[in-house]
Amino acid sequence: MKKLSARRRHPLAAIVVLLFALAATGGLYAAFAPAGEAQAETASAQSLAIEEGEKLYAVGCATCHGTGGQGTSDGPSLVGTGAAAVDFQVGTGRMPLQNPGVQAPDKPRTYTQPQIDQLAAYVASLGPGPAIPTEDQYNPEGLSGEEIAEGGVLFRTNCAQCHNFTGEGGALTDGKYAPQLDDVDPKYIYEAMQTGPQNMPAFPDSVMPEKEKRQIAAYLGQVNSSEAKTPGGYKLGGFGPVAEGLFAWVIGLPLLVGVTVWVAARNAKARKS
């Protein structure tokens, strides 16, 4: 008893008790504090992002798309387009559109990524639409060679009609065109398939599952990499068999015929001499 009493009177006893009390209080707070506080902080941050996004929208977008995103004669409605559409259009520099035209070209972007996120938050608040994908959704890393080959089949089935076999792009009607895809971030490829920008059809998850979009992004990354091989020889821009066949008939075949005639003429001349 005397030893125990001495320990209680030790100068450090009060500090030890205080530390234990603080640890217990912190543990109990973490265990029983309502998750609503964290949710409230998230909601507050989201509300702030929407507020800042609305300010950016009023300056850079409202002239064409209307003060409430309802659209005007100069720009379509943004209600229900979702955050992914904003992240794609503004992130690739297509919006804001500098000059009216049949198609918005990609160019250096005007806004920083935090500002794009704020704009996306505001537009998303106007109506439900596709959200900005996470890295796990669009990152093609980790896919096997077989899965990437399946991505090539998917691309040739759904995309090559406009973008050509290796994503080299191509002309459409009325001055429109399908852009090149050789140096596009997988996130923007995913968002384009989700939202269907401009002339492109949309491929939501109900039509094309998330994994298939990743496979297409992986295929494009592989065929357009600096290490890509062309077993058939020079790929002529990767425009596919039509362009290559035209080249063979118009240039290759006449060249072969010309060489053959030249060789035959020289042989005939040599025999006469």
Protein backbone atom coordinates (compact mmCIF):
# COMPACT_ATOMS: atom_id res chain seq x y z
CA MET A 1 0.00 0.00 0.00
CA LYS A 2 2.82 2.37 0.78
CA LYS A 3 4.43 1.68 -2.60
CA LEU A 4 1.13 2.28 -4.41
CA SER A 5 0.56 5.49 -2.44
CA ALA A 6 4.06 6.65 -3.38
CA ARG A 7 3.41 6.04 -7.04
CA ARG A 8 0.21 8.03 -6.89
CA ARG A 9 2.13 10.94 -5.44
CA HIS A 10 4.80 10.74 -8.17
CA PRO A 11 5.22 14.10 -10.00
CA LEU A 12 4.54 12.46 -13.38
CA ALA A 13 1.36 10.73 -12.24
CA ALA A 14 -0.87 13.69 -13.11
CA ILE A 15 0.66 13.97 -16.59
CA VAL A 16 0.17 10.26 -17.24
CA VAL A 17 -3.45 10.45 -16.12
CA LEU A 18 -4.01 13.51 -18.34
CA LEU A 19 -2.53 11.75 -21.38
CA PHE A 20 -4.74 8.71 -20.80
CA ALA A 21 -7.79 10.95 -20.46
CA LEU A 22 -7.00 12.80 -23.68
CA ALA A 23 -6.43 9.56 -25.55
CA ALA A 24 -9.69 8.12 -24.26
CA THR A 25 -11.60 11.28 -25.14
CA GLY A 26 -10.15 11.33 -28.65
CA GLY A 27 -10.94 7.67 -29.19
CA LEU A 28 -14.51 8.06 -27.98
CA TYR A 29 -15.00 11.13 -30.16
CA ALA A 30 -13.68 9.34 -33.23
CA ALA A 31 -15.88 6.33 -32.50
CA PHE A 32 -19.11 8.12 -31.68
CA ALA A 33 -18.85 11.48 -33.45
CA PRO A 34 -21.53 11.64 -36.12
CA ALA A 35 -20.33 11.07 -39.66
CA GLY A 36 -22.52 14.01 -40.49
CA GLU A 37 -19.71 16.39 -39.53
CA ALA A 38 -17.45 15.01 -42.27
CA GLN A 39 -20.39 15.01 -44.63
CA ALA A 40 -21.15 18.59 -43.64
CA GLU A 41 -17.57 19.59 -44.44
CA THR A 42 -17.81 17.86 -47.82
CA ALA A 43 -21.14 19.51 -48.53
CA SER A 44 -19.69 22.88 -47.54
CA ALA A 45 -16.73 22.41 -49.89
CA GLN A 46 -19.07 21.34 -52.68
CA SER A 47 -21.29 24.35 -52.06
CA LEU A 48 -18.26 26.63 -52.21
CA ALA A 49 -17.11 24.99 -55.47
CA ILE A 50 -20.56 25.53 -56.99
CA GLU A 51 -20.57 29.15 -55.88
CA GLU A 52 -17.13 29.82 -57.38
CA GLY A 53 -18.05 27.88 -60.51
CA GLU A 54 -21.13 30.02 -60.98
CA LYS A 55 -18.95 33.13 -60.94
CA LEU A 56 -16.62 31.67 -63.56
CA TYR A 57 -19.62 30.57 -65.62
CA ALA A 58 -21.16 34.04 -65.56
CA VAL A 59 -17.96 35.54 -66.98
CA GLY A 60 -16.92 32.93 -69.53
CA CYS A 61 -19.95 30.85 -70.49
CA ALA A 62 -23.26 32.63 -69.87
CA THR A 63 -23.08 34.70 -73.07
CA CYS A 64 -23.60 31.61 -75.22
CA HIS A 65 -25.21 29.11 -72.85
CA GLY A 66 -27.53 31.43 -70.93
CA THR A 67 -27.39 32.74 -67.41
CA GLY A 68 -28.84 29.52 -66.01
CA GLY A 69 -27.37 27.10 -68.52
CA GLN A 70 -30.66 26.90 -70.41
CA GLY A 71 -28.96 27.56 -73.74
CA THR A 72 -29.37 30.28 -76.35
CA SER A 73 -29.27 30.54 -80.12
CA ASP A 74 -25.47 30.63 -79.83
CA GLY A 75 -25.01 27.64 -77.55
CA PRO A 76 -26.82 24.48 -76.40
CA SER A 77 -28.37 23.90 -72.99
CA LEU A 78 -26.02 22.56 -70.34
CA VAL A 79 -28.76 21.24 -68.05
CA GLY A 80 -28.13 17.54 -67.55
CA THR A 81 -24.82 17.43 -69.45
CA GLY A 82 -22.95 16.61 -66.25
CA ALA A 83 -19.52 17.37 -64.86
CA ALA A 84 -17.71 15.00 -67.25
CA ALA A 85 -18.80 17.02 -70.29
CA VAL A 86 -17.44 20.22 -68.74
CA ASP A 87 -14.17 18.55 -67.76
CA PHE A 88 -13.74 17.30 -71.34
CA GLN A 89 -14.76 20.43 -73.21
CA VAL A 90 -12.93 22.92 -71.00
CA GLY A 91 -10.03 20.60 -70.16
CA THR A 92 -9.17 20.09 -73.84
CA GLY A 93 -9.51 23.80 -74.59
CA ARG A 94 -12.54 23.38 -76.85
CA MET A 95 -14.47 25.69 -74.57
CA PRO A 96 -14.73 28.60 -74.27
CA LEU A 97 -15.14 28.77 -78.04
CA GLN A 98 -13.15 31.65 -79.47
CA ASN A 99 -14.81 31.85 -82.88
CA PRO A 100 -18.18 30.37 -83.89
CA GLY A 101 -17.77 27.48 -86.29
CA VAL A 102 -19.05 24.06 -87.28
CA GLN A 103 -16.77 22.42 -84.72
CA ALA A 104 -14.78 23.44 -81.67
CA PRO A 105 -11.08 22.57 -82.10
CA ASP A 106 -8.88 21.44 -79.26
CA LYS A 107 -6.41 24.10 -78.12
CA PRO A 108 -4.50 25.13 -74.99
CA ARG A 109 -7.00 25.41 -72.17
CA THR A 110 -7.99 28.72 -70.64
CA TYR A 111 -8.74 27.59 -67.08
CA THR A 112 -6.70 25.77 -64.47
CA GLN A 113 -7.83 22.35 -63.30
CA PRO A 114 -9.24 23.69 -59.98
CA GLN A 115 -11.29 26.24 -61.95
CA ILE A 116 -12.48 23.50 -64.32
CA ASP A 117 -13.57 21.46 -61.31
CA GLN A 118 -15.55 24.45 -60.04
CA LEU A 119 -17.22 24.99 -63.40
CA ALA A 120 -18.02 21.28 -63.55
CA ALA A 121 -19.53 21.40 -60.05
CA TYR A 122 -21.79 24.29 -61.04
CA VAL A 123 -22.99 22.68 -64.28
CA ALA A 124 -23.56 19.40 -62.44
CA SER A 125 -25.80 21.27 -59.99
CA LEU A 126 -28.09 22.28 -62.88
CA GLY A 127 -29.16 18.70 -63.53
CA PRO A 128 -27.94 15.10 -63.22
CA GLY A 129 -25.39 13.92 -65.77
CA PRO A 130 -22.19 11.86 -66.11
CA ALA A 131 -19.68 12.55 -63.35
CA ILE A 132 -15.95 13.05 -63.84
CA PRO A 133 -14.45 9.54 -63.84
CA THR A 134 -11.93 8.43 -61.26
CA GLU A 135 -8.47 7.23 -62.27
CA ASP A 136 -9.49 3.64 -61.56
CA GLN A 137 -12.19 3.95 -64.19
CA TYR A 138 -10.12 5.30 -67.08
CA ASN A 139 -6.52 4.28 -66.36
CA PRO A 140 -5.63 1.55 -68.91
CA GLU A 141 -2.55 0.34 -67.03
CA GLY A 142 -2.63 -3.26 -65.91
CA LEU A 143 -4.63 -4.60 -68.85
CA SER A 144 -3.24 -7.70 -70.52
CA GLY A 145 -2.24 -7.95 -74.16
CA GLU A 146 -5.38 -9.93 -74.90
CA GLU A 147 -7.57 -7.26 -73.31
CA ILE A 148 -5.82 -4.53 -75.31
CA ALA A 149 -6.38 -6.55 -78.49
CA GLU A 150 -10.08 -6.74 -77.59
CA GLY A 151 -9.96 -2.94 -77.24
CA GLY A 152 -8.72 -2.80 -80.83
CA VAL A 153 -11.71 -4.86 -81.97
CA LEU A 154 -14.05 -2.54 -80.06
CA PHE A 155 -12.41 0.54 -81.55
CA ARG A 156 -12.59 -0.76 -85.12
CA THR A 157 -16.22 -1.74 -84.61
CA ASN A 158 -17.46 1.47 -82.98
CA CYS A 159 -14.97 4.25 -83.75
CA ALA A 160 -12.86 3.55 -86.86
CA GLN A 161 -15.60 4.72 -89.23
CA CYS A 162 -14.80 8.29 -88.20
CA HIS A 163 -11.42 8.20 -86.43
CA ASN A 164 -9.78 5.63 -88.76
CA PHE A 165 -8.17 2.38 -87.68
CA THR A 166 -5.48 3.86 -85.44
CA GLY A 167 -7.18 7.09 -84.38
CA GLU A 168 -5.63 9.27 -87.08
CA GLY A 169 -8.89 11.17 -87.52
CA GLY A 170 -10.81 11.94 -90.68
CA ALA A 171 -13.14 14.30 -92.48
CA LEU A 172 -16.91 14.32 -91.91
CA THR A 173 -19.71 16.23 -93.61
CA ASP A 174 -20.23 20.00 -93.73
CA GLY A 175 -16.68 20.85 -92.72
CA LYS A 176 -16.74 18.73 -89.56
CA TYR A 177 -14.06 16.22 -88.70
CA ALA A 178 -13.15 13.45 -86.31
CA PRO A 179 -10.03 14.57 -84.38
CA GLN A 180 -6.80 12.67 -84.03
CA LEU A 181 -6.49 10.50 -80.93
CA ASP A 182 -2.76 9.82 -80.90
CA ASP A 183 -1.93 12.08 -77.95
CA VAL A 184 -5.14 12.29 -75.94
CA ASP A 185 -5.24 11.66 -72.19
CA PRO A 186 -7.15 8.45 -71.37
CA LYS A 187 -9.41 10.48 -69.08
CA TYR A 188 -10.60 12.60 -71.99
CA ILE A 189 -11.08 9.53 -74.18
CA TYR A 190 -13.27 8.04 -71.45
CA GLU A 191 -15.22 11.27 -70.97
CA ALA A 192 -15.76 11.65 -74.72
CA MET A 193 -17.25 8.15 -74.86
CA GLN A 194 -19.40 8.92 -71.83
CA THR A 195 -20.76 12.24 -73.04
CA GLY A 196 -20.64 12.16 -76.87
CA PRO A 197 -19.22 15.61 -77.63
CA GLN A 198 -20.26 17.44 -80.80
CA ASN A 199 -20.84 14.88 -83.61
CA MET A 200 -19.81 11.84 -81.61
CA PRO A 201 -22.43 9.41 -80.26
CA ALA A 202 -22.44 8.75 -76.53
CA PHE A 203 -21.45 5.36 -75.11
CA PRO A 204 -22.78 5.27 -71.53
CA ASP A 205 -22.03 2.30 -69.29
CA SER A 206 -25.35 0.73 -70.30
CA VAL A 207 -24.07 0.57 -73.91
CA MET A 208 -20.33 0.15 -73.39
CA PRO A 209 -19.17 -0.99 -69.92
CA GLU A 210 -16.39 0.78 -68.07
CA LYS A 211 -13.81 -1.92 -68.80
CA GLU A 212 -14.39 -1.74 -72.55
CA LYS A 213 -13.71 2.01 -72.50
CA ARG A 214 -10.44 1.32 -70.71
CA GLN A 215 -9.57 -1.29 -73.31
CA ILE A 216 -10.13 1.19 -76.13
CA ALA A 217 -7.93 3.77 -74.38
CA ALA A 218 -5.24 1.12 -73.92
CA TYR A 219 -5.41 0.15 -77.60
CA LEU A 220 -5.01 3.77 -78.73
CA GLY A 221 -2.10 4.25 -76.38
CA GLN A 222 -0.36 1.16 -77.73
CA VAL A 223 -0.82 1.67 -81.49
CA ASN A 224 0.26 5.31 -81.25
CA SER A 225 3.24 4.81 -78.95
CA SER A 226 6.78 5.40 -80.20
CA GLU A 227 7.45 1.67 -79.78
CA ALA A 228 4.50 0.57 -81.94
CA LYS A 229 5.45 -1.82 -84.74
CA THR A 230 3.94 -2.02 -88.22
CA PRO A 231 4.45 -5.61 -89.45
CA GLY A 232 2.98 -4.73 -92.86
CA GLY A 233 5.58 -2.05 -93.53
CA TYR A 234 5.06 1.70 -93.78
CA LYS A 235 1.57 2.39 -92.46
CA LEU A 236 0.82 5.40 -94.72
CA GLY A 237 -0.51 7.46 -91.86
CA GLY A 238 -2.52 4.61 -90.38
CA PHE A 239 -5.60 5.46 -92.42
CA GLY A 240 -6.49 1.82 -93.00
CA PRO A 241 -6.83 -0.53 -95.99
CA VAL A 242 -8.72 1.92 -98.23
CA ALA A 243 -5.94 4.50 -98.22
CA GLU A 244 -3.28 1.83 -98.51
CA GLY A 245 -5.13 0.10 -101.37
CA LEU A 246 -5.57 3.40 -103.20
CA PHE A 247 -1.86 4.09 -102.83
CA ALA A 248 -1.04 0.63 -104.18
CA TRP A 249 -3.27 1.01 -107.26
CA VAL A 250 -2.54 4.63 -108.10
CA ILE A 251 1.16 4.80 -107.27
CA GLY A 252 2.55 1.35 -106.50
CA LEU A 253 1.12 -0.59 -109.44
CA PRO A 254 1.94 2.03 -112.13
CA LEU A 255 5.46 2.25 -110.70
CA LEU A 256 5.90 -1.52 -110.97
CA VAL A 257 4.54 -1.52 -114.53
CA GLY A 258 6.90 1.32 -115.46
CA VAL A 259 9.91 -0.50 -114.03
CA THR A 260 8.90 -3.68 -115.86
CA VAL A 261 8.58 -1.87 -119.20
CA TRP A 262 11.93 -0.15 -118.67
CA VAL A 263 13.69 -3.43 -117.87
CA ALA A 264 12.08 -5.16 -120.91
CA ALA A 265 13.08 -2.28 -123.20
CA ARG A 266 16.70 -2.40 -122.02
CA ASN A 267 16.85 -6.16 -122.50
CA ALA A 268 15.43 -5.82 -126.01
CA LYS A 269 17.97 -3.12 -126.83
CA ALA A 270 20.80 -5.26 -125.45
CA ARG A 271 19.80 -8.22 -127.61
CA LYS A 272 19.72 -6.10 -130.76
CA SER A 273 23.19 -4.78 -130.08
